[in-house]
């Protein structure tokens, strides 16, 4: 029985299969779909929490220091000035601001970890 060619075709087909929008790796998720996010807030210095519809909440530790998270705390608003289509990903800019104040700070998203 010749399983070599069949195995090679099966492996090739699985490598070409479309990937889901959430890319799970042992170190967390690289991206979250914007349509699934129902809440977002600052939960600590350089740390954001994203609540998803029908799923877990994800914590994101920002890349580098983001002074606006300490200055504004849980009252901060969070926007996505350059989201990649329908998702936000590690390395994307996130805008931290207070609706009542002029100015905003752009910081960079880290990986998304299930909050626990």
N, C-alpha and C. Protein backbone atom coordinates (compact mmCIF):
# COMPACT_ATOMS: atom_id res chain seq x y z
N UNK A 1 0.84 -1.18 0.00
CA UNK A 1 0.00 0.00 0.00
C UNK A 1 0.89 1.24 0.00
N UNK A 2 0.56 2.20 -0.86
CA UNK A 2 1.38 3.40 -0.99
C UNK A 2 0.69 4.56 -0.28
N UNK A 3 1.12 4.86 0.93
CA UNK A 3 0.51 5.95 1.70
C UNK A 3 1.28 7.26 1.55
N UNK A 4 2.49 7.20 1.05
CA UNK A 4 3.32 8.41 0.91
C UNK A 4 2.65 9.50 0.10
N UNK A 5 2.21 9.23 -1.16
CA UNK A 5 1.57 10.28 -1.96
C UNK A 5 0.26 10.77 -1.35
N UNK A 6 -0.50 9.86 -0.74
CA UNK A 6 -1.77 10.27 -0.13
C UNK A 6 -1.51 11.18 1.06
N UNK A 7 -0.54 10.84 1.88
CA UNK A 7 -0.18 11.66 3.03
C UNK A 7 0.32 13.03 2.59
N UNK A 8 1.12 13.07 1.55
CA UNK A 8 1.65 14.34 1.04
C UNK A 8 0.52 15.24 0.55
N UNK A 9 -0.46 14.66 -0.15
CA UNK A 9 -1.60 15.45 -0.64
C UNK A 9 -2.42 15.97 0.53
N UNK A 10 -2.64 15.13 1.54
CA UNK A 10 -3.42 15.54 2.72
C UNK A 10 -2.72 16.67 3.46
N UNK A 11 -1.41 16.57 3.63
CA UNK A 11 -0.66 17.63 4.31
C UNK A 11 -0.69 18.92 3.50
N UNK A 12 -0.53 18.83 2.20
CA UNK A 12 -0.58 20.01 1.35
C UNK A 12 -1.95 20.67 1.40
N UNK A 13 -3.01 19.89 1.39
CA UNK A 13 -4.37 20.42 1.44
C UNK A 13 -4.62 21.12 2.77
N UNK A 14 -4.14 20.55 3.86
CA UNK A 14 -4.36 21.19 5.17
C UNK A 14 -3.56 22.48 5.29
N UNK A 15 -2.39 22.55 4.67
CA UNK A 15 -1.57 23.77 4.72
C UNK A 15 -2.21 24.89 3.92
N UNK A 16 -2.99 24.54 2.90
CA UNK A 16 -3.61 25.55 2.05
C UNK A 16 -5.01 25.95 2.53
N UNK A 17 -5.52 25.28 3.54
CA UNK A 17 -6.86 25.58 4.04
C UNK A 17 -6.90 26.98 4.64
N UNK A 18 -8.03 27.70 4.50
CA UNK A 18 -8.12 29.04 5.07
C UNK A 18 -7.98 28.99 6.58
N UNK A 19 -7.33 30.01 7.13
CA UNK A 19 -7.13 30.09 8.57
C UNK A 19 -8.26 30.89 9.21
N UNK A 20 -8.64 30.56 10.45
CA UNK A 20 -9.68 31.33 11.13
C UNK A 20 -9.19 32.73 11.47
N UNK A 21 -10.12 33.69 11.69
CA UNK A 21 -9.71 35.07 11.96
C UNK A 21 -8.93 35.23 13.26
N UNK A 22 -9.15 34.37 14.25
CA UNK A 22 -8.37 34.41 15.47
C UNK A 22 -7.19 33.47 15.31
N UNK A 23 -6.00 33.97 15.46
CA UNK A 23 -4.84 33.10 15.33
C UNK A 23 -4.32 32.79 16.73
N UNK A 24 -4.59 31.58 17.20
CA UNK A 24 -4.21 31.15 18.54
C UNK A 24 -2.81 30.58 18.52
N UNK A 25 -1.98 31.05 19.39
CA UNK A 25 -0.67 30.48 19.59
C UNK A 25 -0.49 30.32 21.09
N UNK A 26 0.51 29.58 21.51
CA UNK A 26 0.70 29.33 22.93
C UNK A 26 0.89 30.63 23.71
N UNK A 27 1.37 31.66 23.05
CA UNK A 27 1.61 32.93 23.72
C UNK A 27 0.41 33.87 23.60
N UNK A 28 -0.74 33.40 23.18
CA UNK A 28 -1.93 34.24 23.08
C UNK A 28 -2.36 34.44 21.64
N UNK A 29 -3.33 35.33 21.47
CA UNK A 29 -3.87 35.62 20.15
C UNK A 29 -3.14 36.81 19.54
N UNK A 30 -2.90 36.75 18.25
CA UNK A 30 -2.29 37.87 17.55
C UNK A 30 -3.34 38.91 17.18
N UNK A 31 -4.58 38.50 16.89
CA UNK A 31 -5.63 39.41 16.42
C UNK A 31 -6.98 39.08 17.06
N UNK A 32 -7.84 40.10 17.12
CA UNK A 32 -9.23 39.94 17.54
C UNK A 32 -10.11 40.59 16.48
N UNK A 33 -11.24 39.97 16.11
CA UNK A 33 -12.15 40.61 15.17
C UNK A 33 -12.89 41.77 15.86
N UNK A 34 -12.95 42.91 15.21
CA UNK A 34 -13.64 44.08 15.78
C UNK A 34 -15.11 43.79 16.04
N UNK A 35 -15.73 43.00 15.19
CA UNK A 35 -17.16 42.72 15.32
C UNK A 35 -17.49 41.96 16.60
N UNK A 36 -16.51 41.26 17.18
CA UNK A 36 -16.75 40.50 18.39
C UNK A 36 -16.52 41.27 19.68
N UNK A 37 -15.93 42.47 19.58
CA UNK A 37 -15.62 43.24 20.78
C UNK A 37 -16.85 44.03 21.23
N UNK A 38 -17.29 43.77 22.46
CA UNK A 38 -18.47 44.47 23.00
C UNK A 38 -18.09 45.46 24.10
N UNK A 39 -16.88 45.41 24.59
CA UNK A 39 -16.43 46.34 25.61
C UNK A 39 -14.92 46.41 25.64
N UNK A 40 -14.40 47.56 26.04
CA UNK A 40 -12.95 47.74 26.15
C UNK A 40 -12.68 48.80 27.20
N UNK A 41 -11.65 48.56 28.01
CA UNK A 41 -11.32 49.52 29.06
C UNK A 41 -9.90 49.33 29.54
N UNK A 42 -9.37 50.37 30.17
CA UNK A 42 -8.06 50.31 30.81
C UNK A 42 -8.26 49.63 32.16
N UNK A 43 -7.42 48.64 32.46
CA UNK A 43 -7.53 47.93 33.73
C UNK A 43 -6.27 48.04 34.59
N UNK A 44 -5.26 48.71 34.07
CA UNK A 44 -4.02 48.90 34.83
C UNK A 44 -3.00 49.61 33.97
N UNK A 45 -1.86 49.92 34.55
CA UNK A 45 -0.82 50.57 33.75
C UNK A 45 -0.47 49.71 32.54
N UNK A 46 -0.57 50.30 31.38
CA UNK A 46 -0.21 49.64 30.12
C UNK A 46 -1.03 48.39 29.82
N UNK A 47 -2.22 48.26 30.41
CA UNK A 47 -3.02 47.05 30.24
C UNK A 47 -4.47 47.39 29.90
N UNK A 48 -4.98 46.75 28.83
CA UNK A 48 -6.36 46.93 28.39
C UNK A 48 -7.10 45.61 28.51
N UNK A 49 -8.42 45.69 28.67
CA UNK A 49 -9.27 44.51 28.70
C UNK A 49 -10.30 44.63 27.60
N UNK A 50 -10.43 43.59 26.78
CA UNK A 50 -11.39 43.55 25.68
C UNK A 50 -12.41 42.46 26.00
N UNK A 51 -13.68 42.84 26.10
CA UNK A 51 -14.76 41.88 26.32
C UNK A 51 -15.35 41.51 24.98
N UNK A 52 -15.60 40.20 24.78
CA UNK A 52 -16.11 39.74 23.50
C UNK A 52 -17.51 39.15 23.67
N UNK A 53 -18.29 39.23 22.61
CA UNK A 53 -19.66 38.70 22.63
C UNK A 53 -19.62 37.18 22.69
N UNK A 54 -20.20 36.63 23.73
CA UNK A 54 -20.31 35.18 23.85
C UNK A 54 -19.00 34.44 24.03
N UNK A 55 -17.94 35.15 24.35
CA UNK A 55 -16.65 34.49 24.50
C UNK A 55 -15.90 35.05 25.69
N UNK A 56 -14.65 34.69 25.80
CA UNK A 56 -13.86 35.16 26.93
C UNK A 56 -13.46 36.63 26.77
N UNK A 57 -13.02 37.21 27.87
CA UNK A 57 -12.41 38.54 27.83
C UNK A 57 -10.92 38.34 27.59
N UNK A 58 -10.32 39.29 26.90
CA UNK A 58 -8.90 39.22 26.59
C UNK A 58 -8.18 40.42 27.17
N UNK A 59 -7.06 40.13 27.84
CA UNK A 59 -6.20 41.18 28.38
C UNK A 59 -5.10 41.45 27.37
N UNK A 60 -4.73 42.72 27.22
CA UNK A 60 -3.66 43.08 26.29
C UNK A 60 -2.69 44.00 27.03
N UNK A 61 -1.45 43.54 27.17
CA UNK A 61 -0.40 44.37 27.75
C UNK A 61 0.26 45.10 26.58
N UNK A 62 0.19 46.42 26.61
CA UNK A 62 0.68 47.23 25.50
C UNK A 62 2.19 47.11 25.35
N UNK A 63 2.67 47.30 24.13
CA UNK A 63 4.10 47.25 23.85
C UNK A 63 4.71 48.58 24.30
N UNK A 64 5.61 48.53 25.23
CA UNK A 64 6.22 49.75 25.76
C UNK A 64 5.30 50.45 26.75
N UNK A 65 5.80 51.51 27.31
CA UNK A 65 5.03 52.27 28.30
C UNK A 65 4.01 53.18 27.62
N UNK A 66 2.80 53.24 28.17
CA UNK A 66 1.74 54.12 27.64
C UNK A 66 1.22 54.96 28.79
N UNK A 67 1.76 56.17 28.93
CA UNK A 67 1.43 57.03 30.06
C UNK A 67 -0.06 57.33 30.17
N UNK A 68 -0.78 57.35 29.07
CA UNK A 68 -2.21 57.68 29.11
C UNK A 68 -3.00 56.66 29.91
N UNK A 69 -2.56 55.41 29.97
CA UNK A 69 -3.30 54.42 30.75
C UNK A 69 -3.24 54.74 32.23
N UNK A 70 -2.12 55.27 32.69
CA UNK A 70 -1.99 55.66 34.10
C UNK A 70 -2.72 56.98 34.36
N UNK A 71 -2.59 57.92 33.44
CA UNK A 71 -3.19 59.25 33.63
C UNK A 71 -4.71 59.19 33.60
N UNK A 72 -5.29 58.43 32.68
CA UNK A 72 -6.74 58.41 32.52
C UNK A 72 -7.41 57.24 33.23
N UNK A 73 -6.68 56.14 33.40
CA UNK A 73 -7.24 54.98 34.08
C UNK A 73 -8.51 54.48 33.41
N UNK A 74 -9.46 54.02 34.24
CA UNK A 74 -10.67 53.39 33.70
C UNK A 74 -11.61 54.38 33.02
N UNK A 75 -11.36 55.69 33.15
CA UNK A 75 -12.21 56.67 32.47
C UNK A 75 -11.81 56.89 31.02
N UNK A 76 -10.72 56.28 30.58
CA UNK A 76 -10.21 56.48 29.23
C UNK A 76 -11.15 55.89 28.18
N UNK A 77 -11.17 56.53 27.03
CA UNK A 77 -11.82 55.96 25.84
C UNK A 77 -10.72 55.34 24.99
N UNK A 78 -11.08 54.30 24.25
CA UNK A 78 -10.10 53.57 23.46
C UNK A 78 -10.59 53.49 22.02
N UNK A 79 -9.76 53.93 21.09
CA UNK A 79 -10.11 53.87 19.67
C UNK A 79 -9.01 53.16 18.89
N UNK A 80 -9.33 52.86 17.64
CA UNK A 80 -8.40 52.13 16.78
C UNK A 80 -8.19 52.92 15.50
N UNK A 81 -7.20 53.80 15.45
CA UNK A 81 -7.02 54.68 14.29
C UNK A 81 -6.59 53.99 13.01
N UNK A 82 -5.98 52.83 13.11
CA UNK A 82 -5.51 52.16 11.88
C UNK A 82 -5.72 50.66 11.93
N UNK A 83 -6.92 50.24 12.34
CA UNK A 83 -7.23 48.81 12.39
C UNK A 83 -7.09 48.21 10.99
N UNK A 84 -6.68 46.97 10.94
CA UNK A 84 -6.50 46.27 9.65
C UNK A 84 -7.83 45.67 9.22
N UNK A 85 -8.63 46.44 8.54
CA UNK A 85 -9.92 45.93 8.07
C UNK A 85 -10.86 45.66 9.21
N UNK A 86 -11.19 44.40 9.42
CA UNK A 86 -12.19 44.05 10.42
C UNK A 86 -11.59 43.46 11.69
N UNK A 87 -10.29 43.70 11.93
CA UNK A 87 -9.67 43.16 13.14
C UNK A 87 -8.59 44.11 13.66
N UNK A 88 -8.26 43.92 14.94
CA UNK A 88 -7.12 44.62 15.52
C UNK A 88 -6.08 43.55 15.85
N UNK A 89 -4.82 43.92 15.65
CA UNK A 89 -3.75 42.94 15.78
C UNK A 89 -2.59 43.48 16.60
N UNK A 90 -1.80 42.55 17.09
CA UNK A 90 -0.57 42.89 17.79
C UNK A 90 0.23 43.86 16.93
N UNK A 91 0.71 44.94 17.54
CA UNK A 91 1.49 45.95 16.83
C UNK A 91 0.67 47.10 16.30
N UNK A 92 -0.67 46.95 16.21
CA UNK A 92 -1.53 48.04 15.75
C UNK A 92 -1.55 49.16 16.79
N UNK A 93 -1.79 50.37 16.31
CA UNK A 93 -1.93 51.51 17.22
C UNK A 93 -3.30 51.46 17.88
N UNK A 94 -3.33 51.83 19.14
CA UNK A 94 -4.57 52.00 19.88
C UNK A 94 -4.52 53.41 20.46
N UNK A 95 -5.60 54.14 20.34
CA UNK A 95 -5.63 55.54 20.79
C UNK A 95 -6.33 55.60 22.14
N UNK A 96 -5.63 56.14 23.14
CA UNK A 96 -6.14 56.29 24.50
C UNK A 96 -6.43 57.77 24.71
N UNK A 97 -7.69 58.10 25.05
CA UNK A 97 -8.04 59.51 25.20
C UNK A 97 -9.22 59.68 26.14
N UNK A 98 -9.43 60.95 26.54
CA UNK A 98 -10.59 61.34 27.34
C UNK A 98 -11.45 62.19 26.42
N UNK A 99 -12.70 61.82 26.27
CA UNK A 99 -13.60 62.52 25.35
C UNK A 99 -13.66 64.01 25.66
N UNK A 100 -13.56 64.40 26.91
CA UNK A 100 -13.66 65.80 27.31
C UNK A 100 -12.38 66.60 27.16
N UNK A 101 -11.28 65.95 26.83
CA UNK A 101 -9.99 66.64 26.72
C UNK A 101 -9.49 66.63 25.29
N UNK A 102 -8.70 67.65 24.98
CA UNK A 102 -8.04 67.68 23.66
C UNK A 102 -6.81 66.78 23.73
N UNK A 103 -6.47 66.21 22.63
CA UNK A 103 -5.27 65.38 22.55
C UNK A 103 -5.55 63.92 22.86
N UNK A 104 -4.68 63.08 22.37
CA UNK A 104 -4.78 61.65 22.58
C UNK A 104 -3.39 61.06 22.48
N UNK A 105 -3.24 59.87 23.02
CA UNK A 105 -1.96 59.16 22.97
C UNK A 105 -2.15 57.87 22.19
N UNK A 106 -1.28 57.64 21.22
CA UNK A 106 -1.30 56.37 20.50
C UNK A 106 -0.26 55.44 21.12
N UNK A 107 -0.69 54.22 21.40
CA UNK A 107 0.17 53.19 21.95
C UNK A 107 0.03 51.95 21.07
N UNK A 108 0.86 50.94 21.27
CA UNK A 108 0.85 49.74 20.42
C UNK A 108 0.34 48.54 21.20
N UNK A 109 -0.55 47.79 20.53
CA UNK A 109 -1.11 46.58 21.14
C UNK A 109 -0.07 45.47 21.22
N UNK A 110 -0.13 44.71 22.31
CA UNK A 110 0.65 43.50 22.45
C UNK A 110 -0.21 42.32 22.02
N UNK A 111 0.07 41.14 22.54
CA UNK A 111 -0.72 39.94 22.25
C UNK A 111 -1.93 39.90 23.16
N UNK A 112 -2.97 39.23 22.72
CA UNK A 112 -4.20 39.09 23.48
C UNK A 112 -4.17 37.79 24.27
N UNK A 113 -4.29 37.91 25.58
CA UNK A 113 -4.30 36.74 26.47
C UNK A 113 -5.68 36.61 27.09
N UNK A 114 -6.17 35.40 27.25
CA UNK A 114 -7.45 35.21 27.93
C UNK A 114 -7.31 35.71 29.36
N UNK A 115 -8.21 36.62 29.76
CA UNK A 115 -8.16 37.21 31.10
C UNK A 115 -8.61 36.17 32.10
N UNK A 116 -7.95 36.12 33.20
CA UNK A 116 -8.33 35.11 34.17
C UNK A 116 -7.90 35.52 35.48
